[in-house]
Protein backbone atom coordinates (compact mmCIF):
# COMPACT_ATOMS: atom_id res chain seq x y z
CA UNK A 1 0.00 0.00 0.00
CA UNK A 2 2.75 2.43 0.95
CA UNK A 3 4.65 1.78 -2.27
CA UNK A 4 1.46 1.95 -4.35
CA UNK A 5 0.55 5.36 -2.93
CA UNK A 6 4.09 6.58 -3.54
CA UNK A 7 3.88 5.45 -7.19
CA UNK A 8 0.24 6.37 -7.96
CA UNK A 9 -0.39 9.25 -5.54
CA UNK A 10 -3.96 10.41 -4.96
CA UNK A 11 -5.49 8.01 -7.54
CA UNK A 12 -3.95 5.18 -5.48
CA UNK A 13 -5.58 6.46 -2.30
CA UNK A 14 -8.92 6.73 -4.14
CA UNK A 15 -8.57 3.14 -5.43
CA UNK A 16 -7.84 1.84 -1.92
CA UNK A 17 -10.78 3.81 -0.54
CA UNK A 18 -13.08 2.33 -3.22
CA UNK A 19 -12.00 -1.19 -2.28
CA UNK A 20 -12.54 -0.54 1.44
CA UNK A 21 -15.93 1.01 0.66
CA UNK A 22 -17.01 -2.32 -0.86
CA UNK A 23 -16.17 -4.08 2.41
CA UNK A 24 -18.01 -1.43 4.40
CA UNK A 25 -21.09 -1.26 2.15
CA UNK A 26 -21.46 -5.05 1.99
CA UNK A 27 -21.13 -5.27 5.78
CA UNK A 28 -18.14 -7.60 5.55
CA UNK A 29 -16.46 -5.96 8.55
CA UNK A 30 -17.67 -5.35 12.08
CA UNK A 31 -15.30 -3.29 14.24
CA UNK A 32 -14.05 -4.77 17.50
CA UNK A 33 -12.40 -3.12 20.45
CA UNK A 34 -8.79 -4.24 20.78
CA UNK A 35 -9.24 -3.99 24.57
CA UNK A 36 -11.83 -6.79 24.40
CA UNK A 37 -9.64 -9.13 22.34
CA UNK A 38 -7.30 -11.58 24.01
CA UNK A 39 -3.60 -11.63 23.23
CA UNK A 40 -4.24 -14.81 21.21
CA UNK A 41 -7.06 -13.12 19.24
CA UNK A 42 -4.73 -10.27 18.32
CA UNK A 43 -1.92 -12.62 17.37
CA UNK A 44 -4.24 -14.71 15.19
CA UNK A 45 -5.88 -11.67 13.52
CA UNK A 46 -5.26 -11.74 9.78
CA UNK A 47 -3.53 -8.72 8.31
CA UNK A 48 -5.36 -6.85 5.57
CA UNK A 49 -3.29 -6.35 2.45
CA UNK A 50 -3.98 -3.89 -0.35
CA UNK A 51 -2.45 -4.13 -3.80
CA UNK A 52 -2.66 -1.33 -6.34
CA UNK A 53 -2.39 -1.89 -10.06
CA UNK A 54 -2.69 0.29 -13.13
CA UNK A 55 -5.21 -1.23 -15.53
CA UNK A 56 -4.77 -1.10 -19.32
CA UNK A 57 -7.31 1.74 -19.50
CA UNK A 58 -5.08 3.77 -17.14
CA UNK A 59 -7.38 3.52 -14.11
CA UNK A 60 -5.79 2.53 -10.79
CA UNK A 61 -7.45 -0.52 -9.22
CA UNK A 62 -7.16 -1.54 -5.59
CA UNK A 63 -7.43 -5.17 -4.56
CA UNK A 64 -7.64 -6.01 -0.91
CA UNK A 65 -7.43 -9.35 0.80
CA UNK A 66 -7.01 -10.98 4.16
CA UNK A 67 -3.57 -12.53 4.48
CA UNK A 68 -4.58 -16.08 5.37
CA UNK A 69 -1.06 -17.46 5.87
CA UNK A 70 -1.56 -17.47 9.67
CA UNK A 71 -4.40 -19.97 9.21
CA UNK A 72 -2.34 -22.56 7.34
CA UNK A 73 -1.22 -24.40 10.46
CA UNK A 74 -4.79 -24.88 11.70
CA UNK A 75 -6.78 -25.23 8.45
CA UNK A 76 -7.00 -28.33 6.29
CA UNK A 77 -6.69 -28.08 2.51
CA UNK A 78 -10.35 -29.03 2.11
CA UNK A 79 -11.47 -26.24 4.46
CA UNK A 80 -9.32 -23.66 2.65
CA UNK A 81 -10.29 -24.37 -0.95
CA UNK A 82 -11.96 -21.59 -2.89
CA UNK A 83 -14.92 -22.13 -5.19
CA UNK A 84 -12.88 -21.51 -8.33
CA UNK A 85 -12.85 -23.39 -11.59
CA UNK A 86 -9.78 -25.17 -12.98
CA UNK A 87 -8.22 -23.42 -16.01
CA UNK A 88 -8.34 -26.71 -17.92
CA UNK A 89 -12.15 -26.76 -17.51
CA UNK A 90 -12.45 -23.22 -18.83
CA UNK A 91 -10.26 -23.98 -21.83
CA UNK A 92 -12.11 -27.22 -22.63
CA UNK A 93 -15.55 -25.64 -22.50
CA UNK A 94 -14.28 -22.66 -24.53
CA UNK A 95 -13.09 -24.99 -27.30
CA UNK A 96 -16.43 -26.83 -27.31
CA UNK A 97 -18.34 -23.52 -27.36
CA UNK A 98 -16.27 -22.26 -30.31
CA UNK A 99 -16.56 -25.53 -32.24
CA UNK A 100 -20.35 -25.60 -31.81
CA UNK A 101 -20.74 -21.82 -32.48
CA UNK A 102 -22.47 -21.32 -29.13
CA UNK A 103 -23.36 -17.91 -27.76
CA UNK A 104 -21.26 -17.09 -24.70
CA UNK A 105 -21.83 -14.43 -22.06
CA UNK A 106 -19.31 -13.18 -19.54
CA UNK A 107 -20.57 -12.27 -16.09
CA UNK A 108 -18.75 -10.45 -13.32
CA UNK A 109 -20.18 -10.65 -9.82
CA UNK A 110 -18.73 -7.68 -7.93
CA UNK A 111 -17.18 -8.74 -4.65
CA UNK A 112 -18.16 -12.36 -5.25
CA UNK A 113 -16.14 -13.58 -2.27
CA UNK A 114 -17.92 -11.07 -0.05
CA UNK A 115 -21.37 -12.55 -0.64
CA UNK A 116 -21.17 -15.62 1.62
CA UNK A 117 -21.62 -15.41 5.39
CA UNK A 118 -18.76 -16.57 7.63
CA UNK A 119 -19.24 -19.75 9.62
CA UNK A 120 -16.30 -19.19 11.97
CA UNK A 121 -14.87 -16.36 14.04
CA UNK A 122 -12.09 -14.56 12.16
CA UNK A 123 -10.54 -11.25 13.17
CA UNK A 124 -8.67 -9.01 10.78
CA UNK A 125 -6.22 -6.23 11.56
CA UNK A 126 -6.01 -3.04 9.52
CA UNK A 127 -2.98 -0.88 10.20
CA UNK A 128 -1.76 2.61 9.43
CA UNK A 129 -3.21 4.21 6.30
CA UNK A 130 -5.64 1.32 5.79
CA UNK A 131 -7.23 1.89 9.23
CA UNK A 132 -7.31 5.66 8.63
CA UNK A 133 -9.06 5.23 5.26
CA UNK A 134 -11.72 3.01 6.81
CA UNK A 135 -12.35 5.68 9.46
CA UNK A 136 -12.80 8.24 6.64
CA UNK A 137 -15.66 6.10 5.25
CA UNK A 138 -17.67 6.12 8.48
CA UNK A 139 -16.04 8.08 11.34
CA UNK A 140 -18.95 7.47 13.76
CA UNK A 141 -18.64 3.71 13.36
CA UNK A 142 -14.88 3.15 13.21
CA UNK A 143 -13.06 6.02 14.99
CA UNK A 144 -13.81 4.81 18.52
CA UNK A 145 -12.17 1.45 17.74
CA UNK A 146 -8.83 2.87 16.56
CA UNK A 147 -5.97 2.22 18.93
CA UNK A 148 -2.24 2.78 18.72
CA UNK A 149 0.09 -0.22 18.74
CA UNK A 150 3.83 0.23 18.27
CA UNK A 151 3.25 3.80 17.08
CA UNK A 152 0.72 2.83 14.35
CA UNK A 153 -3.03 3.24 14.19
CA UNK A 154 -4.69 -0.18 14.34
CA UNK A 155 -8.27 -1.24 13.80
CA UNK A 156 -9.46 -4.77 14.59
CA UNK A 157 -12.55 -6.06 12.81
CA UNK A 158 -14.49 -9.30 12.74
CA UNK A 159 -15.14 -10.73 9.30
CA UNK A 160 -18.86 -11.29 8.85
CA UNK A 161 -18.61 -12.44 5.24
CA UNK A 162 -15.91 -14.23 3.31
CA UNK A 163 -13.00 -12.14 2.15
CA UNK A 164 -10.47 -13.55 -0.32
CA UNK A 165 -7.45 -15.00 1.48
CA UNK A 166 -4.02 -14.63 -0.05
CA UNK A 167 -2.14 -17.91 -0.29
CA UNK A 168 1.17 -16.48 -1.44
CA UNK A 169 2.75 -13.16 -2.33
CA UNK A 170 2.02 -13.40 -6.07
CA UNK A 171 -1.01 -15.72 -6.09
CA UNK A 172 -3.79 -13.58 -7.53
CA UNK A 173 -2.18 -10.30 -8.36
CA UNK A 174 0.40 -10.91 -11.09
CA UNK A 175 2.44 -7.76 -11.48
CA UNK A 176 0.59 -5.81 -8.77
CA UNK A 177 2.65 -3.79 -6.35
CA UNK A 178 3.44 -5.84 -3.29
CA UNK A 179 3.19 -4.42 0.27
CA UNK A 180 6.37 -2.88 1.61
C-alpha atoms as a PDB file:
ATOM      1  CA  UNK A   1       0.000   0.000   0.000  1.00  0.00           C
ATOM      2  CA  UNK A   2       2.753   2.431   0.946  1.00  0.00           C
ATOM      3  CA  UNK A   3       4.655   1.780  -2.271  1.00  0.00           C
ATOM      4  CA  UNK A   4       1.463   1.955  -4.345  1.00  0.00           C
ATOM      5  CA  UNK A   5       0.553   5.358  -2.929  1.00  0.00           C
ATOM      6  CA  UNK A   6       4.089   6.577  -3.541  1.00  0.00           C
ATOM      7  CA  UNK A   7       3.876   5.452  -7.187  1.00  0.00           C
ATOM      8  CA  UNK A   8       0.245   6.367  -7.960  1.00  0.00           C
ATOM      9  CA  UNK A   9      -0.386   9.250  -5.545  1.00  0.00           C
ATOM     10  CA  UNK A  10      -3.956  10.414  -4.963  1.00  0.00           C
ATOM     11  CA  UNK A  11      -5.493   8.012  -7.540  1.00  0.00           C
ATOM     12  CA  UNK A  12      -3.948   5.176  -5.484  1.00  0.00           C
ATOM     13  CA  UNK A  13      -5.581   6.461  -2.302  1.00  0.00           C
ATOM     14  CA  UNK A  14      -8.919   6.728  -4.141  1.00  0.00           C
ATOM     15  CA  UNK A  15      -8.574   3.145  -5.430  1.00  0.00           C
ATOM     16  CA  UNK A  16      -7.840   1.841  -1.919  1.00  0.00           C
ATOM     17  CA  UNK A  17     -10.780   3.809  -0.545  1.00  0.00           C
ATOM     18  CA  UNK A  18     -13.082   2.334  -3.217  1.00  0.00           C
ATOM     19  CA  UNK A  19     -11.997  -1.190  -2.283  1.00  0.00           C
ATOM     20  CA  UNK A  20     -12.542  -0.544   1.436  1.00  0.00           C
ATOM     21  CA  UNK A  21     -15.930   1.008   0.660  1.00  0.00           C
ATOM     22  CA  UNK A  22     -17.007  -2.320  -0.858  1.00  0.00           C
ATOM     23  CA  UNK A  23     -16.166  -4.078   2.412  1.00  0.00           C
ATOM     24  CA  UNK A  24     -18.010  -1.427   4.400  1.00  0.00           C
ATOM     25  CA  UNK A  25     -21.094  -1.261   2.148  1.00  0.00           C
ATOM     26  CA  UNK A  26     -21.462  -5.053   1.991  1.00  0.00           C
ATOM     27  CA  UNK A  27     -21.125  -5.265   5.784  1.00  0.00           C
ATOM     28  CA  UNK A  28     -18.139  -7.602   5.550  1.00  0.00           C
ATOM     29  CA  UNK A  29     -16.459  -5.960   8.549  1.00  0.00           C
ATOM     30  CA  UNK A  30     -17.666  -5.355  12.077  1.00  0.00           C
ATOM     31  CA  UNK A  31     -15.297  -3.286  14.241  1.00  0.00           C
ATOM     32  CA  UNK A  32     -14.055  -4.772  17.498  1.00  0.00           C
ATOM     33  CA  UNK A  33     -12.402  -3.121  20.454  1.00  0.00           C
ATOM     34  CA  UNK A  34      -8.794  -4.242  20.779  1.00  0.00           C
ATOM     35  CA  UNK A  35      -9.241  -3.994  24.575  1.00  0.00           C
ATOM     36  CA  UNK A  36     -11.833  -6.792  24.396  1.00  0.00           C
ATOM     37  CA  UNK A  37      -9.642  -9.130  22.337  1.00  0.00           C
ATOM     38  CA  UNK A  38      -7.298 -11.578  24.011  1.00  0.00           C
ATOM     39  CA  UNK A  39      -3.599 -11.631  23.229  1.00  0.00           C
ATOM     40  CA  UNK A  40      -4.236 -14.811  21.207  1.00  0.00           C
ATOM     41  CA  UNK A  41      -7.058 -13.122  19.242  1.00  0.00           C
ATOM     42  CA  UNK A  42      -4.730 -10.266  18.324  1.00  0.00           C
ATOM     43  CA  UNK A  43      -1.920 -12.620  17.372  1.00  0.00           C
ATOM     44  CA  UNK A  44      -4.244 -14.710  15.189  1.00  0.00           C
ATOM     45  CA  UNK A  45      -5.876 -11.675  13.519  1.00  0.00           C
ATOM     46  CA  UNK A  46      -5.264 -11.743   9.775  1.00  0.00           C
ATOM     47  CA  UNK A  47      -3.529  -8.720   8.308  1.00  0.00           C
ATOM     48  CA  UNK A  48      -5.363  -6.850   5.571  1.00  0.00           C
ATOM     49  CA  UNK A  49      -3.285  -6.347   2.451  1.00  0.00           C
ATOM     50  CA  UNK A  50      -3.981  -3.892  -0.350  1.00  0.00           C
ATOM     51  CA  UNK A  51      -2.453  -4.133  -3.800  1.00  0.00           C
ATOM     52  CA  UNK A  52      -2.656  -1.326  -6.343  1.00  0.00           C
ATOM     53  CA  UNK A  53      -2.389  -1.889 -10.064  1.00  0.00           C
ATOM     54  CA  UNK A  54      -2.689   0.287 -13.126  1.00  0.00           C
ATOM     55  CA  UNK A  55      -5.209  -1.231 -15.531  1.00  0.00           C
ATOM     56  CA  UNK A  56      -4.773  -1.098 -19.318  1.00  0.00           C
ATOM     57  CA  UNK A  57      -7.308   1.738 -19.500  1.00  0.00           C
ATOM     58  CA  UNK A  58      -5.082   3.768 -17.144  1.00  0.00           C
ATOM     59  CA  UNK A  59      -7.376   3.520 -14.110  1.00  0.00           C
ATOM     60  CA  UNK A  60      -5.791   2.531 -10.788  1.00  0.00           C
ATOM     61  CA  UNK A  61      -7.454  -0.518  -9.219  1.00  0.00           C
ATOM     62  CA  UNK A  62      -7.160  -1.542  -5.589  1.00  0.00           C
ATOM     63  CA  UNK A  63      -7.429  -5.170  -4.563  1.00  0.00           C
ATOM     64  CA  UNK A  64      -7.635  -6.009  -0.910  1.00  0.00           C
ATOM     65  CA  UNK A  65      -7.432  -9.353   0.800  1.00  0.00           C
ATOM     66  CA  UNK A  66      -7.013 -10.976   4.165  1.00  0.00           C
ATOM     67  CA  UNK A  67      -3.567 -12.531   4.479  1.00  0.00           C
ATOM     68  CA  UNK A  68      -4.577 -16.083   5.370  1.00  0.00           C
ATOM     69  CA  UNK A  69      -1.063 -17.465   5.875  1.00  0.00           C
ATOM     70  CA  UNK A  70      -1.564 -17.469   9.666  1.00  0.00           C
ATOM     71  CA  UNK A  71      -4.397 -19.972   9.212  1.00  0.00           C
ATOM     72  CA  UNK A  72      -2.338 -22.561   7.340  1.00  0.00           C
ATOM     73  CA  UNK A  73      -1.224 -24.397  10.459  1.00  0.00           C
ATOM     74  CA  UNK A  74      -4.790 -24.884  11.700  1.00  0.00           C
ATOM     75  CA  UNK A  75      -6.778 -25.226   8.454  1.00  0.00           C
ATOM     76  CA  UNK A  76      -6.998 -28.326   6.287  1.00  0.00           C
ATOM     77  CA  UNK A  77      -6.687 -28.078   2.510  1.00  0.00           C
ATOM     78  CA  UNK A  78     -10.351 -29.029   2.111  1.00  0.00           C
ATOM     79  CA  UNK A  79     -11.467 -26.236   4.456  1.00  0.00           C
ATOM     80  CA  UNK A  80      -9.324 -23.665   2.652  1.00  0.00           C
ATOM     81  CA  UNK A  81     -10.290 -24.375  -0.945  1.00  0.00           C
ATOM     82  CA  UNK A  82     -11.958 -21.590  -2.893  1.00  0.00           C
ATOM     83  CA  UNK A  83     -14.919 -22.129  -5.187  1.00  0.00           C
ATOM     84  CA  UNK A  84     -12.877 -21.508  -8.334  1.00  0.00           C
ATOM     85  CA  UNK A  85     -12.852 -23.388 -11.595  1.00  0.00           C
ATOM     86  CA  UNK A  86      -9.781 -25.168 -12.983  1.00  0.00           C
ATOM     87  CA  UNK A  87      -8.220 -23.421 -16.011  1.00  0.00           C
ATOM     88  CA  UNK A  88      -8.345 -26.709 -17.917  1.00  0.00           C
ATOM     89  CA  UNK A  89     -12.145 -26.762 -17.513  1.00  0.00           C
ATOM     90  CA  UNK A  90     -12.451 -23.222 -18.831  1.00  0.00           C
ATOM     91  CA  UNK A  91     -10.257 -23.984 -21.832  1.00  0.00           C
ATOM     92  CA  UNK A  92     -12.105 -27.217 -22.635  1.00  0.00           C
ATOM     93  CA  UNK A  93     -15.553 -25.643 -22.499  1.00  0.00           C
ATOM     94  CA  UNK A  94     -14.283 -22.659 -24.534  1.00  0.00           C
ATOM     95  CA  UNK A  95     -13.085 -24.988 -27.300  1.00  0.00           C
ATOM     96  CA  UNK A  96     -16.426 -26.833 -27.308  1.00  0.00           C
ATOM     97  CA  UNK A  97     -18.344 -23.524 -27.363  1.00  0.00           C
ATOM     98  CA  UNK A  98     -16.268 -22.256 -30.306  1.00  0.00           C
ATOM     99  CA  UNK A  99     -16.558 -25.526 -32.236  1.00  0.00           C
ATOM    100  CA  UNK A 100     -20.352 -25.597 -31.814  1.00  0.00           C
ATOM    101  CA  UNK A 101     -20.743 -21.823 -32.484  1.00  0.00           C
ATOM    102  CA  UNK A 102     -22.473 -21.322 -29.132  1.00  0.00           C
ATOM    103  CA  UNK A 103     -23.365 -17.907 -27.757  1.00  0.00           C
ATOM    104  CA  UNK A 104     -21.260 -17.095 -24.704  1.00  0.00           C
ATOM    105  CA  UNK A 105     -21.832 -14.434 -22.060  1.00  0.00           C
ATOM    106  CA  UNK A 106     -19.311 -13.184 -19.542  1.00  0.00           C
ATOM    107  CA  UNK A 107     -20.571 -12.273 -16.092  1.00  0.00           C
ATOM    108  CA  UNK A 108     -18.750 -10.452 -13.320  1.00  0.00           C
ATOM    109  CA  UNK A 109     -20.184 -10.653  -9.821  1.00  0.00           C
ATOM    110  CA  UNK A 110     -18.730  -7.676  -7.931  1.00  0.00           C
ATOM    111  CA  UNK A 111     -17.183  -8.739  -4.654  1.00  0.00           C
ATOM    112  CA  UNK A 112     -18.161 -12.364  -5.250  1.00  0.00           C
ATOM    113  CA  UNK A 113     -16.142 -13.582  -2.268  1.00  0.00           C
ATOM    114  CA  UNK A 114     -17.920 -11.067  -0.048  1.00  0.00           C
ATOM    115  CA  UNK A 115     -21.372 -12.551  -0.642  1.00  0.00           C
ATOM    116  CA  UNK A 116     -21.166 -15.623   1.623  1.00  0.00           C
ATOM    117  CA  UNK A 117     -21.619 -15.408   5.393  1.00  0.00           C
ATOM    118  CA  UNK A 118     -18.757 -16.565   7.627  1.00  0.00           C
ATOM    119  CA  UNK A 119     -19.240 -19.749   9.617  1.00  0.00           C
ATOM    120  CA  UNK A 120     -16.302 -19.188  11.967  1.00  0.00           C
ATOM    121  CA  UNK A 121     -14.867 -16.357  14.042  1.00  0.00           C
ATOM    122  CA  UNK A 122     -12.089 -14.559  12.156  1.00  0.00           C
ATOM    123  CA  UNK A 123     -10.542 -11.255  13.171  1.00  0.00           C
ATOM    124  CA  UNK A 124      -8.672  -9.010  10.775  1.00  0.00           C
ATOM    125  CA  UNK A 125      -6.225  -6.228  11.564  1.00  0.00           C
ATOM    126  CA  UNK A 126      -6.012  -3.036   9.518  1.00  0.00           C
ATOM    127  CA  UNK A 127      -2.976  -0.882  10.203  1.00  0.00           C
ATOM    128  CA  UNK A 128      -1.764   2.611   9.428  1.00  0.00           C
ATOM    129  CA  UNK A 129      -3.208   4.211   6.296  1.00  0.00           C
ATOM    130  CA  UNK A 130      -5.643   1.324   5.794  1.00  0.00           C
ATOM    131  CA  UNK A 131      -7.232   1.892   9.227  1.00  0.00           C
ATOM    132  CA  UNK A 132      -7.312   5.660   8.626  1.00  0.00           C
ATOM    133  CA  UNK A 133      -9.055   5.227   5.261  1.00  0.00           C
ATOM    134  CA  UNK A 134     -11.720   3.014   6.812  1.00  0.00           C
ATOM    135  CA  UNK A 135     -12.349   5.680   9.460  1.00  0.00           C
ATOM    136  CA  UNK A 136     -12.799   8.236   6.643  1.00  0.00           C
ATOM    137  CA  UNK A 137     -15.656   6.101   5.250  1.00  0.00           C
ATOM    138  CA  UNK A 138     -17.667   6.120   8.483  1.00  0.00           C
ATOM    139  CA  UNK A 139     -16.038   8.078  11.340  1.00  0.00           C
ATOM    140  CA  UNK A 140     -18.951   7.470  13.757  1.00  0.00           C
ATOM    141  CA  UNK A 141     -18.639   3.705  13.358  1.00  0.00           C
ATOM    142  CA  UNK A 142     -14.880   3.148  13.210  1.00  0.00           C
ATOM    143  CA  UNK A 143     -13.064   6.019  14.985  1.00  0.00           C
ATOM    144  CA  UNK A 144     -13.808   4.806  18.524  1.00  0.00           C
ATOM    145  CA  UNK A 145     -12.173   1.448  17.738  1.00  0.00           C
ATOM    146  CA  UNK A 146      -8.832   2.870  16.563  1.00  0.00           C
ATOM    147  CA  UNK A 147      -5.966   2.218  18.930  1.00  0.00           C
ATOM    148  CA  UNK A 148      -2.244   2.780  18.718  1.00  0.00           C
ATOM    149  CA  UNK A 149       0.095  -0.225  18.740  1.00  0.00           C
ATOM    150  CA  UNK A 150       3.826   0.234  18.269  1.00  0.00           C
ATOM    151  CA  UNK A 151       3.246   3.797  17.077  1.00  0.00           C
ATOM    152  CA  UNK A 152       0.721   2.832  14.347  1.00  0.00           C
ATOM    153  CA  UNK A 153      -3.031   3.238  14.187  1.00  0.00           C
ATOM    154  CA  UNK A 154      -4.689  -0.181  14.336  1.00  0.00           C
ATOM    155  CA  UNK A 155      -8.267  -1.243  13.803  1.00  0.00           C
ATOM    156  CA  UNK A 156      -9.460  -4.766  14.592  1.00  0.00           C
ATOM    157  CA  UNK A 157     -12.552  -6.060  12.813  1.00  0.00           C
ATOM    158  CA  UNK A 158     -14.487  -9.300  12.743  1.00  0.00           C
ATOM    159  CA  UNK A 159     -15.135 -10.728   9.296  1.00  0.00           C
ATOM    160  CA  UNK A 160     -18.865 -11.287   8.854  1.00  0.00           C
ATOM    161  CA  UNK A 161     -18.612 -12.441   5.238  1.00  0.00           C
ATOM    162  CA  UNK A 162     -15.906 -14.234   3.307  1.00  0.00           C
ATOM    163  CA  UNK A 163     -12.999 -12.135   2.152  1.00  0.00           C
ATOM    164  CA  UNK A 164     -10.473 -13.549  -0.322  1.00  0.00           C
ATOM    165  CA  UNK A 165      -7.452 -14.996   1.482  1.00  0.00           C
ATOM    166  CA  UNK A 166      -4.023 -14.627  -0.047  1.00  0.00           C
ATOM    167  CA  UNK A 167      -2.140 -17.911  -0.288  1.00  0.00           C
ATOM    168  CA  UNK A 168       1.171 -16.484  -1.444  1.00  0.00           C
ATOM    169  CA  UNK A 169       2.745 -13.161  -2.329  1.00  0.00           C
ATOM    170  CA  UNK A 170       2.019 -13.403  -6.066  1.00  0.00           C
ATOM    171  CA  UNK A 171      -1.009 -15.719  -6.091  1.00  0.00           C
ATOM    172  CA  UNK A 172      -3.788 -13.578  -7.532  1.00  0.00           C
ATOM    173  CA  UNK A 173      -2.175 -10.298  -8.359  1.00  0.00           C
ATOM    174  CA  UNK A 174       0.395 -10.910 -11.091  1.00  0.00           C
ATOM    175  CA  UNK A 175       2.445  -7.761 -11.476  1.00  0.00           C
ATOM    176  CA  UNK A 176       0.591  -5.806  -8.770  1.00  0.00           C
ATOM    177  CA  UNK A 177       2.646  -3.793  -6.353  1.00  0.00           C
ATOM    178  CA  UNK A 178       3.435  -5.838  -3.287  1.00  0.00           C
ATOM    179  CA  UNK A 179       3.189  -4.421   0.269  1.00  0.00           C
ATOM    180  CA  UNK A 180       6.370  -2.879   1.615  1.00  0.00           C
END
